[in-house]
Amino acid sequence: MEFDWLDASFDLSEITPKEIEESFEDPFAVRLLPDGEYAENNTRFFCLGKSVTNRPIFSLFWTDGKLYRVIISREMTVEEESLYERLKAQAV
């Protein structure tokens, strides 16, 4: 998995590229394709995962299967973290 960090559209000092990459490598990471009108007009995905330091990270990204381009990353909301934990529990 290779990431493209050139011209990132968000502040990479709040959440570092390393933390974001770790959240994608999380064995319990949840990758979702949004549904509805948004999905019809965009080829973007959501990733809910945790870094090695257990920081919950939400990312909106684009991929061609080889290269990943993160559009925005931030800490998960309470609802997103709840969904992540619920899906993680189902997988175990």
PDB file of N, CA and C in Angstrom:
ATOM      1  N   MET A   1       0.858  -1.157   0.000  1.00  0.00           N
ATOM      2  CA  MET A   1       0.000   0.000   0.000  1.00  0.00           C
ATOM      3  C   MET A   1       0.911   1.228   0.000  1.00  0.00           C
ATOM      4  N   GLU A   2       0.740   2.064  -0.997  1.00  0.00           N
ATOM      5  CA  GLU A   2       1.558   3.267  -1.125  1.00  0.00           C
ATOM      6  C   GLU A   2       0.660   4.498  -1.043  1.00  0.00           C
ATOM      7  N   PHE A   3       1.113   5.480  -0.283  1.00  0.00           N
ATOM      8  CA  PHE A   3       0.339   6.706  -0.080  1.00  0.00           C
ATOM      9  C   PHE A   3       0.960   7.867  -0.831  1.00  0.00           C
ATOM     10  N   ASP A   4       0.108   8.736  -1.365  1.00  0.00           N
ATOM     11  CA  ASP A   4       0.528   9.959  -2.038  1.00  0.00           C
ATOM     12  C   ASP A   4       0.264  11.121  -1.085  1.00  0.00           C
ATOM     13  N   TRP A   5       1.332  11.718  -0.544  1.00  0.00           N
ATOM     14  CA  TRP A   5       1.192  12.813   0.413  1.00  0.00           C
ATOM     15  C   TRP A   5       1.477  14.166  -0.221  1.00  0.00           C
ATOM     16  N   LEU A   6       1.740  14.216  -1.519  1.00  0.00           N
ATOM     17  CA  LEU A   6       2.004  15.494  -2.186  1.00  0.00           C
ATOM     18  C   LEU A   6       0.743  16.354  -2.188  1.00  0.00           C
ATOM     19  N   ASP A   7       0.905  17.599  -1.875  1.00  0.00           N
ATOM     20  CA  ASP A   7      -0.196  18.562  -1.886  1.00  0.00           C
ATOM     21  C   ASP A   7      -1.393  18.117  -1.054  1.00  0.00           C
ATOM     22  N   ALA A   8      -1.143  17.591   0.134  1.00  0.00           N
ATOM     23  CA  ALA A   8      -2.238  17.185   1.024  1.00  0.00           C
ATOM     24  C   ALA A   8      -3.112  18.390   1.329  1.00  0.00           C
ATOM     25  N   SER A   9      -4.408  18.197   1.300  1.00  0.00           N
ATOM     26  CA  SER A   9      -5.352  19.305   1.478  1.00  0.00           C
ATOM     27  C   SER A   9      -5.718  19.557   2.942  1.00  0.00           C
ATOM     28  N   PHE A  10      -4.994  18.946   3.860  1.00  0.00           N
ATOM     29  CA  PHE A  10      -5.266  19.146   5.284  1.00  0.00           C
ATOM     30  C   PHE A  10      -3.947  19.218   6.045  1.00  0.00           C
ATOM     31  N   ASP A  11      -4.013  19.633   7.294  1.00  0.00           N
ATOM     32  CA  ASP A  11      -2.830  19.849   8.122  1.00  0.00           C
ATOM     33  C   ASP A  11      -2.263  18.513   8.601  1.00  0.00           C
ATOM     34  N   LEU A  12      -1.076  18.164   8.107  1.00  0.00           N
ATOM     35  CA  LEU A  12      -0.458  16.892   8.474  1.00  0.00           C
ATOM     36  C   LEU A  12       0.282  16.953   9.808  1.00  0.00           C
ATOM     37  N   SER A  13       0.205  18.083  10.502  1.00  0.00           N
ATOM     38  CA  SER A  13       0.856  18.160  11.810  1.00  0.00           C
ATOM     39  C   SER A  13      -0.094  17.722  12.933  1.00  0.00           C
ATOM     40  N   GLU A  14      -1.410  17.787  12.697  1.00  0.00           N
ATOM     41  CA  GLU A  14      -2.375  17.353  13.712  1.00  0.00           C
ATOM     42  C   GLU A  14      -2.428  15.837  13.792  1.00  0.00           C
ATOM     43  N   ILE A  15      -2.522  15.194  12.651  1.00  0.00           N
ATOM     44  CA  ILE A  15      -2.439  13.738  12.559  1.00  0.00           C
ATOM     45  C   ILE A  15      -1.354  13.466  11.531  1.00  0.00           C
ATOM     46  N   THR A  16      -0.316  12.775  11.939  1.00  0.00           N
ATOM     47  CA  THR A  16       0.837  12.585  11.065  1.00  0.00           C
ATOM     48  C   THR A  16       0.547  11.533   9.992  1.00  0.00           C
ATOM     49  N   PRO A  17       1.251  11.606   8.868  1.00  0.00           N
ATOM     50  CA  PRO A  17       1.096  10.576   7.835  1.00  0.00           C
ATOM     51  C   PRO A  17       1.339   9.172   8.383  1.00  0.00           C
ATOM     52  N   LYS A  18       2.293   9.034   9.296  1.00  0.00           N
ATOM     53  CA  LYS A  18       2.578   7.716   9.887  1.00  0.00           C
ATOM     54  C   LYS A  18       1.354   7.169  10.624  1.00  0.00           C
ATOM     55  N   GLU A  19       0.690   8.018  11.421  1.00  0.00           N
ATOM     56  CA  GLU A  19      -0.502   7.579  12.155  1.00  0.00           C
ATOM     57  C   GLU A  19      -1.622   7.186  11.187  1.00  0.00           C
ATOM     58  N   ILE A  20      -1.781   7.949  10.121  1.00  0.00           N
ATOM     59  CA  ILE A  20      -2.821   7.646   9.141  1.00  0.00           C
ATOM     60  C   ILE A  20      -2.528   6.307   8.468  1.00  0.00           C
ATOM     61  N   GLU A  21      -1.279   6.101   8.057  1.00  0.00           N
ATOM     62  CA  GLU A  21      -0.902   4.837   7.429  1.00  0.00           C
ATOM     63  C   GLU A  21      -1.120   3.673   8.386  1.00  0.00           C
ATOM     64  N   GLU A  22      -0.793   3.863   9.670  1.00  0.00           N
ATOM     65  CA  GLU A  22      -1.016   2.821  10.667  1.00  0.00           C
ATOM     66  C   GLU A  22      -2.503   2.486  10.799  1.00  0.00           C
ATOM     67  N   SER A  23      -3.371   3.508  10.702  1.00  0.00           N
ATOM     68  CA  SER A  23      -4.813   3.255  10.817  1.00  0.00           C
ATOM     69  C   SER A  23      -5.319   2.405   9.652  1.00  0.00           C
ATOM     70  N   PHE A  24      -4.712   2.545   8.477  1.00  0.00           N
ATOM     71  CA  PHE A  24      -5.084   1.716   7.336  1.00  0.00           C
ATOM     72  C   PHE A  24      -4.576   0.281   7.513  1.00  0.00           C
ATOM     73  N   GLU A  25      -3.461   0.113   8.223  1.00  0.00           N
ATOM     74  CA  GLU A  25      -2.879  -1.208   8.457  1.00  0.00           C
ATOM     75  C   GLU A  25      -3.504  -1.923   9.644  1.00  0.00           C
ATOM     76  N   ASP A  26      -4.343  -1.239  10.398  1.00  0.00           N
ATOM     77  CA  ASP A  26      -5.048  -1.828  11.538  1.00  0.00           C
ATOM     78  C   ASP A  26      -5.800  -3.069  11.050  1.00  0.00           C
ATOM     79  N   PRO A  27      -5.564  -4.230  11.668  1.00  0.00           N
ATOM     80  CA  PRO A  27      -6.253  -5.450  11.203  1.00  0.00           C
ATOM     81  C   PRO A  27      -7.773  -5.378  11.338  1.00  0.00           C
ATOM     82  N   PHE A  28      -8.275  -4.469  12.158  1.00  0.00           N
ATOM     83  CA  PHE A  28      -9.716  -4.317  12.338  1.00  0.00           C
ATOM     84  C   PHE A  28     -10.254  -3.068  11.644  1.00  0.00           C
ATOM     85  N   ALA A  29      -9.443  -2.431  10.802  1.00  0.00           N
ATOM     86  CA  ALA A  29      -9.880  -1.222  10.100  1.00  0.00           C
ATOM     87  C   ALA A  29     -11.128  -1.520   9.281  1.00  0.00           C
ATOM     88  N   VAL A  30     -12.017  -0.559   9.258  1.00  0.00           N
ATOM     89  CA  VAL A  30     -13.272  -0.668   8.518  1.00  0.00           C
ATOM     90  C   VAL A  30     -13.178   0.263   7.325  1.00  0.00           C
ATOM     91  N   ARG A  31     -13.304  -0.307   6.131  1.00  0.00           N
ATOM     92  CA  ARG A  31     -13.315   0.516   4.916  1.00  0.00           C
ATOM     93  C   ARG A  31     -14.703   0.441   4.316  1.00  0.00           C
ATOM     94  N   LEU A  32     -15.288   1.605   4.081  1.00  0.00           N
ATOM     95  CA  LEU A  32     -16.664   1.677   3.613  1.00  0.00           C
ATOM     96  C   LEU A  32     -16.767   2.493   2.340  1.00  0.00           C
ATOM     97  N   LEU A  33     -17.657   2.087   1.462  1.00  0.00           N
ATOM     98  CA  LEU A  33     -18.032   2.862   0.293  1.00  0.00           C
ATOM     99  C   LEU A  33     -19.362   3.502   0.624  1.00  0.00           C
ATOM    100  N   PRO A  34     -19.426   4.840   0.635  1.00  0.00           N
ATOM    101  CA  PRO A  34     -20.699   5.479   0.967  1.00  0.00           C
ATOM    102  C   PRO A  34     -21.768   5.126  -0.060  1.00  0.00           C
ATOM    103  N   ASP A  35     -23.015   5.154   0.379  1.00  0.00           N
ATOM    104  CA  ASP A  35     -24.101   4.833  -0.549  1.00  0.00           C
ATOM    105  C   ASP A  35     -24.873   6.094  -0.909  1.00  0.00           C
ATOM    106  N   GLY A  36     -25.855   5.935  -1.755  1.00  0.00           N
ATOM    107  CA  GLY A  36     -26.705   7.059  -2.137  1.00  0.00           C
ATOM    108  C   GLY A  36     -26.084   7.946  -3.198  1.00  0.00           C
ATOM    109  N   GLU A  37     -26.557   9.170  -3.249  1.00  0.00           N
ATOM    110  CA  GLU A  37     -26.132  10.126  -4.271  1.00  0.00           C
ATOM    111  C   GLU A  37     -24.633  10.413  -4.205  1.00  0.00           C
ATOM    112  N   TYR A  38     -24.070  10.449  -2.993  1.00  0.00           N
ATOM    113  CA  TYR A  38     -22.640  10.720  -2.852  1.00  0.00           C
ATOM    114  C   TYR A  38     -21.815   9.667  -3.581  1.00  0.00           C
ATOM    115  N   ALA A  39     -22.156   8.405  -3.414  1.00  0.00           N
ATOM    116  CA  ALA A  39     -21.398   7.321  -4.040  1.00  0.00           C
ATOM    117  C   ALA A  39     -21.520   7.348  -5.557  1.00  0.00           C
ATOM    118  N   GLU A  40     -22.655   7.773  -6.061  1.00  0.00           N
ATOM    119  CA  GLU A  40     -22.848   7.818  -7.508  1.00  0.00           C
ATOM    120  C   GLU A  40     -21.955   8.862  -8.168  1.00  0.00           C
ATOM    121  N   ASN A  41     -21.624   9.922  -7.441  1.00  0.00           N
ATOM    122  CA  ASN A  41     -20.861  11.024  -8.013  1.00  0.00           C
ATOM    123  C   ASN A  41     -19.385  11.020  -7.630  1.00  0.00           C
ATOM    124  N   ASN A  42     -18.967  10.144  -6.740  1.00  0.00           N
ATOM    125  CA  ASN A  42     -17.589  10.130  -6.249  1.00  0.00           C
ATOM    126  C   ASN A  42     -17.070   8.705  -6.132  1.00  0.00           C
ATOM    127  N   THR A  43     -15.783   8.551  -6.286  1.00  0.00           N
ATOM    128  CA  THR A  43     -15.150   7.247  -6.068  1.00  0.00           C
ATOM    129  C   THR A  43     -14.259   7.354  -4.842  1.00  0.00           C
ATOM    130  N   ARG A  44     -14.864   7.733  -3.749  1.00  0.00           N
ATOM    131  CA  ARG A  44     -14.139   7.913  -2.503  1.00  0.00           C
ATOM    132  C   ARG A  44     -14.653   6.941  -1.458  1.00  0.00           C
ATOM    133  N   PHE A  45     -13.777   6.616  -0.527  1.00  0.00           N
ATOM    134  CA  PHE A  45     -14.071   5.639   0.504  1.00  0.00           C
ATOM    135  C   PHE A  45     -13.788   6.226   1.878  1.00  0.00           C
ATOM    136  N   PHE A  46     -14.354   5.589   2.923  1.00  0.00           N
ATOM    137  CA  PHE A  46     -14.091   5.949   4.301  1.00  0.00           C
ATOM    138  C   PHE A  46     -13.260   4.846   4.936  1.00  0.00           C
ATOM    139  N   CYS A  47     -12.354   5.217   5.820  1.00  0.00           N
ATOM    140  CA  CYS A  47     -11.598   4.237   6.596  1.00  0.00           C
ATOM    141  C   CYS A  47     -11.685   4.634   8.064  1.00  0.00           C
ATOM    142  N   LEU A  48     -12.071   3.678   8.893  1.00  0.00           N
ATOM    143  CA  LEU A  48     -12.065   3.848  10.343  1.00  0.00           C
ATOM    144  C   LEU A  48     -11.026   2.872  10.881  1.00  0.00           C
ATOM    145  N   GLY A  49      -9.989   3.387  11.502  1.00  0.00           N
ATOM    146  CA  GLY A  49      -8.935   2.520  12.024  1.00  0.00           C
ATOM    147  C   GLY A  49      -8.208   3.196  13.165  1.00  0.00           C
ATOM    148  N   LYS A  50      -7.350   2.432  13.820  1.00  0.00           N
ATOM    149  CA  LYS A  50      -6.587   2.973  14.943  1.00  0.00           C
ATOM    150  C   LYS A  50      -5.100   2.876  14.653  1.00  0.00           C
ATOM    151  N   SER A  51      -4.380   3.894  15.135  1.00  0.00           N
ATOM    152  CA  SER A  51      -2.928   3.904  14.997  1.00  0.00           C
ATOM    153  C   SER A  51      -2.323   2.961  16.034  1.00  0.00           C
ATOM    154  N   VAL A  52      -1.019   2.784  15.979  1.00  0.00           N
ATOM    155  CA  VAL A  52      -0.331   1.919  16.933  1.00  0.00           C
ATOM    156  C   VAL A  52      -0.509   2.428  18.360  1.00  0.00           C
ATOM    157  N   THR A  53      -0.638   3.747  18.522  1.00  0.00           N
ATOM    158  CA  THR A  53      -0.850   4.336  19.850  1.00  0.00           C
ATOM    159  C   THR A  53      -2.325   4.339  20.250  1.00  0.00           C
ATOM    160  N   ASN A  54      -3.164   3.621  19.479  1.00  0.00           N
ATOM    161  CA  ASN A  54      -4.588   3.462  19.759  1.00  0.00           C
ATOM    162  C   ASN A  54      -5.398   4.738  19.506  1.00  0.00           C
ATOM    163  N   ARG A  55      -4.892   5.620  18.665  1.00  0.00           N
ATOM    164  CA  ARG A  55      -5.620   6.839  18.313  1.00  0.00           C
ATOM    165  C   ARG A  55      -6.645   6.513  17.234  1.00  0.00           C
ATOM    166  N   PRO A  56      -7.934   6.774  17.491  1.00  0.00           N
ATOM    167  CA  PRO A  56      -8.976   6.466  16.509  1.00  0.00           C
ATOM    168  C   PRO A  56      -8.999   7.496  15.378  1.00  0.00           C
ATOM    169  N   ILE A  57      -8.828   7.026  14.136  1.00  0.00           N
ATOM    170  CA  ILE A  57      -8.700   7.934  12.997  1.00  0.00           C
ATOM    171  C   ILE A  57      -9.737   7.618  11.925  1.00  0.00           C
ATOM    172  N   PHE A  58     -10.409   8.674  11.471  1.00  0.00           N
ATOM    173  CA  PHE A  58     -11.336   8.608  10.343  1.00  0.00           C
ATOM    174  C   PHE A  58     -10.627   9.226   9.153  1.00  0.00           C
ATOM    175  N   SER A  59     -10.657   8.544   7.998  1.00  0.00           N
ATOM    176  CA  SER A  59     -10.055   9.096   6.782  1.00  0.00           C
ATOM    177  C   SER A  59     -11.021   8.951   5.614  1.00  0.00           C
ATOM    178  N   LEU A  60     -11.055   9.961   4.787  1.00  0.00           N
ATOM    179  CA  LEU A  60     -11.758   9.924   3.511  1.00  0.00           C
ATOM    180  C   LEU A  60     -10.654   9.825   2.470  1.00  0.00           C
ATOM    181  N   PHE A  61     -10.739   8.818   1.578  1.00  0.00           N
ATOM    182  CA  PHE A  61      -9.639   8.594   0.660  1.00  0.00           C
ATOM    183  C   PHE A  61     -10.109   8.125  -0.706  1.00  0.00           C
ATOM    184  N   TRP A  62      -9.196   8.208  -1.655  1.00  0.00           N
ATOM    185  CA  TRP A  62      -9.376   7.724  -3.016  1.00  0.00           C
ATOM    186  C   TRP A  62      -8.276   6.710  -3.268  1.00  0.00           C
ATOM    187  N   THR A  63      -8.561   5.681  -4.058  1.00  0.00           N
ATOM    188  CA  THR A  63      -7.525   4.710  -4.409  1.00  0.00           C
ATOM    189  C   THR A  63      -7.795   4.139  -5.790  1.00  0.00           C
ATOM    190  N   ASP A  64      -6.709   3.763  -6.450  1.00  0.00           N
ATOM    191  CA  ASP A  64      -6.822   3.040  -7.713  1.00  0.00           C
ATOM    192  C   ASP A  64      -6.429   1.576  -7.500  1.00  0.00           C
ATOM    193  N   GLY A  65      -6.311   1.173  -6.246  1.00  0.00           N
ATOM    194  CA  GLY A  65      -5.932  -0.192  -5.906  1.00  0.00           C
ATOM    195  C   GLY A  65      -4.461  -0.324  -5.539  1.00  0.00           C
ATOM    196  N   LYS A  66      -3.649   0.605  -5.992  1.00  0.00           N
ATOM    197  CA  LYS A  66      -2.221   0.595  -5.677  1.00  0.00           C
ATOM    198  C   LYS A  66      -1.817   1.829  -4.883  1.00  0.00           C
ATOM    199  N   LEU A  67      -2.283   2.977  -5.310  1.00  0.00           N
ATOM    200  CA  LEU A  67      -1.932   4.241  -4.684  1.00  0.00           C
ATOM    201  C   LEU A  67      -3.130   4.769  -3.897  1.00  0.00           C
ATOM    202  N   TYR A  68      -2.858   5.213  -2.667  1.00  0.00           N
ATOM    203  CA  TYR A  68      -3.898   5.781  -1.808  1.00  0.00           C
ATOM    204  C   TYR A  68      -3.666   7.279  -1.666  1.00  0.00           C
ATOM    205  N   ARG A  69      -4.715   8.053  -1.841  1.00  0.00           N
ATOM    206  CA  ARG A  69      -4.644   9.507  -1.679  1.00  0.00           C
ATOM    207  C   ARG A  69      -5.661   9.893  -0.613  1.00  0.00           C
ATOM    208  N   VAL A  70      -5.167  10.307   0.548  1.00  0.00           N
ATOM    209  CA  VAL A  70      -6.039  10.685   1.660  1.00  0.00           C
ATOM    210  C   VAL A  70      -6.477  12.126   1.448  1.00  0.00           C
ATOM    211  N   ILE A  71      -7.783  12.327   1.436  1.00  0.00           N
ATOM    212  CA  ILE A  71      -8.357  13.651   1.187  1.00  0.00           C
ATOM    213  C   ILE A  71      -8.479  14.431   2.491  1.00  0.00           C
ATOM    214  N   ILE A  72      -8.892  13.735   3.546  1.00  0.00           N
ATOM    215  CA  ILE A  72      -9.001  14.358   4.868  1.00  0.00           C
ATOM    216  C   ILE A  72      -8.885  13.264   5.926  1.00  0.00           C
ATOM    217  N   SER A  73      -8.260  13.588   7.037  1.00  0.00           N
ATOM    218  CA  SER A  73      -8.178  12.695   8.194  1.00  0.00           C
ATOM    219  C   SER A  73      -8.417  13.507   9.448  1.00  0.00           C
ATOM    220  N   ARG A  74      -9.062  12.865  10.408  1.00  0.00           N
ATOM    221  CA  ARG A  74      -9.341  13.491  11.704  1.00  0.00           C
ATOM    222  C   ARG A  74      -9.594  12.378  12.702  1.00  0.00           C
ATOM    223  N   GLU A  75      -9.705  12.729  13.968  1.00  0.00           N
ATOM    224  CA  GLU A  75     -10.057  11.727  14.969  1.00  0.00           C
ATOM    225  C   GLU A  75     -11.523  11.345  14.793  1.00  0.00           C
ATOM    226  N   MET A  76     -11.837  10.101  15.080  1.00  0.00           N
ATOM    227  CA  MET A  76     -13.218   9.617  14.957  1.00  0.00           C
ATOM    228  C   MET A  76     -14.131  10.331  15.942  1.00  0.00           C
ATOM    229  N   THR A  77     -15.382  10.492  15.535  1.00  0.00           N
ATOM    230  CA  THR A  77     -16.407  10.975  16.459  1.00  0.00           C
ATOM    231  C   THR A  77     -16.798   9.814  17.370  1.00  0.00           C
ATOM    232  N   VAL A  78     -17.572  10.096  18.392  1.00  0.00           N
ATOM    233  CA  VAL A  78     -18.031   9.056  19.318  1.00  0.00           C
ATOM    234  C   VAL A  78     -18.832   7.993  18.557  1.00  0.00           C
ATOM    235  N   GLU A  79     -19.698   8.424  17.630  1.00  0.00           N
ATOM    236  CA  GLU A  79     -20.517   7.482  16.857  1.00  0.00           C
ATOM    237  C   GLU A  79     -19.651   6.601  15.951  1.00  0.00           C
ATOM    238  N   GLU A  80     -18.651   7.194  15.316  1.00  0.00           N
ATOM    239  CA  GLU A  80     -17.755   6.427  14.439  1.00  0.00           C
ATOM    240  C   GLU A  80     -16.948   5.412  15.237  1.00  0.00           C
ATOM    241  N   GLU A  81     -16.468   5.830  16.402  1.00  0.00           N
ATOM    242  CA  GLU A  81     -15.703   4.906  17.238  1.00  0.00           C
ATOM    243  C   GLU A  81     -16.589   3.774  17.751  1.00  0.00           C
ATOM    244  N   SER A  82     -17.842   4.074  18.041  1.00  0.00           N
ATOM    245  CA  SER A  82     -18.786   3.047  18.467  1.00  0.00           C
ATOM    246  C   SER A  82     -19.013   2.022  17.348  1.00  0.00           C
ATOM    247  N   LEU A  83     -19.179   2.505  16.117  1.00  0.00           N
ATOM    248  CA  LEU A  83     -19.332   1.612  14.968  1.00  0.00           C
ATOM    249  C   LEU A  83     -18.088   0.752  14.788  1.00  0.00           C
ATOM    250  N   TYR A  84     -16.910   1.366  14.869  1.00  0.00           N
ATOM    251  CA  TYR A  84     -15.649   0.634  14.751  1.00  0.00           C
ATOM    252  C   TYR A  84     -15.573  -0.485  15.791  1.00  0.00           C
ATOM    253  N   GLU A  85     -15.855  -0.151  17.049  1.00  0.00           N
ATOM    254  CA  GLU A  85     -15.773  -1.143  18.138  1.00  0.00           C
ATOM    255  C   GLU A  85     -16.807  -2.256  17.953  1.00  0.00           C
ATOM    256  N   ARG A  86     -18.009  -1.898  17.501  1.00  0.00           N
ATOM    257  CA  ARG A  86     -19.052  -2.902  17.279  1.00  0.00           C
ATOM    258  C   ARG A  86     -18.651  -3.874  16.159  1.00  0.00           C
ATOM    259  N   LEU A  87     -18.131  -3.345  15.056  1.00  0.00           N
ATOM    260  CA  LEU A  87     -17.706  -4.212  13.955  1.00  0.00           C
ATOM    261  C   LEU A  87     -16.480  -5.025  14.313  1.00  0.00           C
ATOM    262  N   LYS A  88     -15.605  -4.457  15.138  1.00  0.00           N
ATOM    263  CA  LYS A  88     -14.419  -5.175  15.610  1.00  0.00           C
ATOM    264  C   LYS A  88     -14.848  -6.372  16.475  1.00  0.00           C
ATOM    265  N   ALA A  89     -15.833  -6.146  17.351  1.00  0.00           N
ATOM    266  CA  ALA A  89     -16.314  -7.225  18.223  1.00  0.00           C
ATOM    267  C   ALA A  89     -16.954  -8.350  17.418  1.00  0.00           C
ATOM    268  N   GLN A  90     -17.635  -7.996  16.332  1.00  0.00           N
ATOM    269  CA  GLN A  90     -18.258  -9.010  15.483  1.00  0.00           C
ATOM    270  C   GLN A  90     -17.216  -9.850  14.741  1.00  0.00           C
ATOM    271  N   ALA A  91     -16.081  -9.232  14.439  1.00  0.00           N
ATOM    272  CA  ALA A  91     -15.040  -9.921  13.671  1.00  0.00           C
ATOM    273  C   ALA A  91     -14.239 -10.904  14.534  1.00  0.00           C
ATOM    274  N   VAL A  92     -14.234 -10.667  15.836  1.00  0.00           N
ATOM    275  CA  VAL A  92     -13.423 -11.520  16.738  1.00  0.00           C
ATOM    276  C   VAL A  92     -14.112 -12.797  17.070  1.00  0.00           C
TER     277      VAL A  92
END
